[in-house]
Amino acid sequence: MSEQVLDEWQIALQQKKRELQACQQEQQVISCSQCEKLLSCELRDAYVKAVYDSMNKGTGGGFEF
Protein backbone atom coordinates (compact mmCIF):
# COMPACT_ATOMS: atom_id res chain seq x y z
CA MET A 1 0.00 0.00 0.00
CA SER A 2 1.56 3.31 -1.06
CA GLU A 3 1.05 6.39 1.04
CA GLN A 4 1.38 9.76 -0.63
CA VAL A 5 3.40 12.30 1.30
CA LEU A 6 2.29 15.84 0.61
CA ASP A 7 4.81 18.64 0.41
CA GLU A 8 4.14 22.19 1.55
CA TRP A 9 3.04 23.24 -1.96
CA GLN A 10 0.45 20.47 -2.23
CA ILE A 11 -0.89 21.22 1.25
CA ALA A 12 -1.28 24.91 0.35
CA LEU A 13 -3.02 23.94 -2.89
CA GLN A 14 -5.49 21.69 -1.07
CA GLN A 15 -6.30 24.51 1.38
CA LYS A 16 -6.91 27.03 -1.41
CA LYS A 17 -9.05 24.49 -3.26
CA ARG A 18 -11.24 23.98 -0.18
CA GLU A 19 -11.61 27.74 0.22
CA LEU A 20 -12.56 28.15 -3.44
CA GLN A 21 -15.11 25.33 -3.28
CA ALA A 22 -16.65 26.84 -0.15
CA CYS A 23 -16.98 30.17 -1.95
CA GLN A 24 -18.59 28.47 -4.97
CA GLN A 25 -21.14 26.85 -2.66
CA GLU A 26 -21.81 30.17 -0.96
CA GLN A 27 -22.30 31.89 -4.32
CA GLN A 28 -24.38 28.92 -5.55
CA VAL A 29 -22.25 28.30 -8.65
CA ILE A 30 -20.46 25.18 -9.84
CA SER A 31 -17.70 27.11 -11.60
CA CYS A 32 -15.96 30.42 -11.03
CA SER A 33 -16.76 31.34 -14.62
CA GLN A 34 -20.42 31.59 -13.57
CA CYS A 35 -19.63 34.12 -10.84
CA GLU A 36 -19.98 37.86 -11.41
CA LYS A 37 -16.81 38.44 -9.35
CA LEU A 38 -14.63 36.30 -11.64
CA LEU A 39 -12.28 39.00 -12.91
CA SER A 40 -11.75 40.68 -9.55
CA CYS A 41 -11.72 37.63 -7.25
CA GLU A 42 -8.71 37.55 -4.94
CA LEU A 43 -9.63 34.05 -3.73
CA ARG A 44 -9.53 32.64 -7.26
CA ASP A 45 -6.26 34.46 -7.96
CA ALA A 46 -4.76 32.90 -4.81
CA TYR A 47 -5.94 29.46 -5.96
CA VAL A 48 -4.38 29.89 -9.41
CA LYS A 49 -1.11 30.99 -7.77
CA ALA A 50 -1.22 27.92 -5.51
CA VAL A 51 -1.67 25.70 -8.58
CA TYR A 52 1.37 27.26 -10.28
CA ASP A 53 3.42 27.04 -7.07
CA SER A 54 2.53 23.37 -6.60
CA MET A 55 3.60 22.65 -10.17
CA ASN A 56 6.98 24.37 -9.92
CA LYS A 57 7.49 23.87 -6.17
CA GLY A 58 7.90 27.59 -5.63
CA THR A 59 10.92 27.98 -7.90
CA GLY A 60 9.22 30.79 -9.78
CA GLY A 61 9.13 31.29 -13.49
CA GLY A 62 6.16 31.25 -15.76
CA PHE A 63 4.34 28.90 -17.99
CA GLU A 64 4.67 29.28 -21.73
CA PHE A 65 2.01 28.03 -24.06
C-alpha atoms as a PDB file:
ATOM      1  CA  MET A   1       0.000   0.000   0.000  1.00  0.00           C
ATOM      2  CA  SER A   2       1.556   3.313  -1.059  1.00  0.00           C
ATOM      3  CA  GLU A   3       1.050   6.386   1.040  1.00  0.00           C
ATOM      4  CA  GLN A   4       1.378   9.761  -0.626  1.00  0.00           C
ATOM      5  CA  VAL A   5       3.395  12.297   1.301  1.00  0.00           C
ATOM      6  CA  LEU A   6       2.286  15.842   0.608  1.00  0.00           C
ATOM      7  CA  ASP A   7       4.812  18.637   0.414  1.00  0.00           C
ATOM      8  CA  GLU A   8       4.137  22.193   1.551  1.00  0.00           C
ATOM      9  CA  TRP A   9       3.040  23.242  -1.962  1.00  0.00           C
ATOM     10  CA  GLN A  10       0.448  20.468  -2.234  1.00  0.00           C
ATOM     11  CA  ILE A  11      -0.888  21.220   1.246  1.00  0.00           C
ATOM     12  CA  ALA A  12      -1.278  24.914   0.349  1.00  0.00           C
ATOM     13  CA  LEU A  13      -3.020  23.940  -2.892  1.00  0.00           C
ATOM     14  CA  GLN A  14      -5.491  21.694  -1.070  1.00  0.00           C
ATOM     15  CA  GLN A  15      -6.302  24.507   1.380  1.00  0.00           C
ATOM     16  CA  LYS A  16      -6.915  27.031  -1.412  1.00  0.00           C
ATOM     17  CA  LYS A  17      -9.054  24.493  -3.263  1.00  0.00           C
ATOM     18  CA  ARG A  18     -11.239  23.976  -0.177  1.00  0.00           C
ATOM     19  CA  GLU A  19     -11.614  27.738   0.221  1.00  0.00           C
ATOM     20  CA  LEU A  20     -12.558  28.155  -3.438  1.00  0.00           C
ATOM     21  CA  GLN A  21     -15.107  25.329  -3.284  1.00  0.00           C
ATOM     22  CA  ALA A  22     -16.650  26.842  -0.151  1.00  0.00           C
ATOM     23  CA  CYS A  23     -16.981  30.172  -1.953  1.00  0.00           C
ATOM     24  CA  GLN A  24     -18.587  28.472  -4.966  1.00  0.00           C
ATOM     25  CA  GLN A  25     -21.136  26.850  -2.665  1.00  0.00           C
ATOM     26  CA  GLU A  26     -21.805  30.173  -0.958  1.00  0.00           C
ATOM     27  CA  GLN A  27     -22.296  31.889  -4.325  1.00  0.00           C
ATOM     28  CA  GLN A  28     -24.378  28.916  -5.549  1.00  0.00           C
ATOM     29  CA  VAL A  29     -22.252  28.299  -8.655  1.00  0.00           C
ATOM     30  CA  ILE A  30     -20.464  25.181  -9.843  1.00  0.00           C
ATOM     31  CA  SER A  31     -17.695  27.110 -11.601  1.00  0.00           C
ATOM     32  CA  CYS A  32     -15.965  30.422 -11.025  1.00  0.00           C
ATOM     33  CA  SER A  33     -16.757  31.341 -14.617  1.00  0.00           C
ATOM     34  CA  GLN A  34     -20.417  31.589 -13.569  1.00  0.00           C
ATOM     35  CA  CYS A  35     -19.631  34.121 -10.843  1.00  0.00           C
ATOM     36  CA  GLU A  36     -19.978  37.860 -11.410  1.00  0.00           C
ATOM     37  CA  LYS A  37     -16.806  38.445  -9.353  1.00  0.00           C
ATOM     38  CA  LEU A  38     -14.625  36.297 -11.640  1.00  0.00           C
ATOM     39  CA  LEU A  39     -12.281  38.997 -12.912  1.00  0.00           C
ATOM     40  CA  SER A  40     -11.750  40.677  -9.546  1.00  0.00           C
ATOM     41  CA  CYS A  41     -11.722  37.632  -7.253  1.00  0.00           C
ATOM     42  CA  GLU A  42      -8.712  37.548  -4.940  1.00  0.00           C
ATOM     43  CA  LEU A  43      -9.632  34.050  -3.727  1.00  0.00           C
ATOM     44  CA  ARG A  44      -9.533  32.638  -7.258  1.00  0.00           C
ATOM     45  CA  ASP A  45      -6.259  34.462  -7.962  1.00  0.00           C
ATOM     46  CA  ALA A  46      -4.758  32.904  -4.814  1.00  0.00           C
ATOM     47  CA  TYR A  47      -5.940  29.457  -5.959  1.00  0.00           C
ATOM     48  CA  VAL A  48      -4.376  29.895  -9.407  1.00  0.00           C
ATOM     49  CA  LYS A  49      -1.114  30.994  -7.772  1.00  0.00           C
ATOM     50  CA  ALA A  50      -1.215  27.917  -5.505  1.00  0.00           C
ATOM     51  CA  VAL A  51      -1.672  25.700  -8.584  1.00  0.00           C
ATOM     52  CA  TYR A  52       1.375  27.264 -10.276  1.00  0.00           C
ATOM     53  CA  ASP A  53       3.417  27.043  -7.074  1.00  0.00           C
ATOM     54  CA  SER A  54       2.534  23.373  -6.605  1.00  0.00           C
ATOM     55  CA  MET A  55       3.605  22.651 -10.175  1.00  0.00           C
ATOM     56  CA  ASN A  56       6.984  24.366  -9.918  1.00  0.00           C
ATOM     57  CA  LYS A  57       7.493  23.871  -6.165  1.00  0.00           C
ATOM     58  CA  GLY A  58       7.900  27.589  -5.628  1.00  0.00           C
ATOM     59  CA  THR A  59      10.920  27.976  -7.903  1.00  0.00           C
ATOM     60  CA  GLY A  60       9.222  30.786  -9.780  1.00  0.00           C
ATOM     61  CA  GLY A  61       9.128  31.292 -13.486  1.00  0.00           C
ATOM     62  CA  GLY A  62       6.157  31.247 -15.764  1.00  0.00           C
ATOM     63  CA  PHE A  63       4.337  28.897 -17.986  1.00  0.00           C
ATOM     64  CA  GLU A  64       4.668  29.284 -21.727  1.00  0.00           C
ATOM     65  CA  PHE A  65       2.014  28.026 -24.062  1.00  0.00           C
END
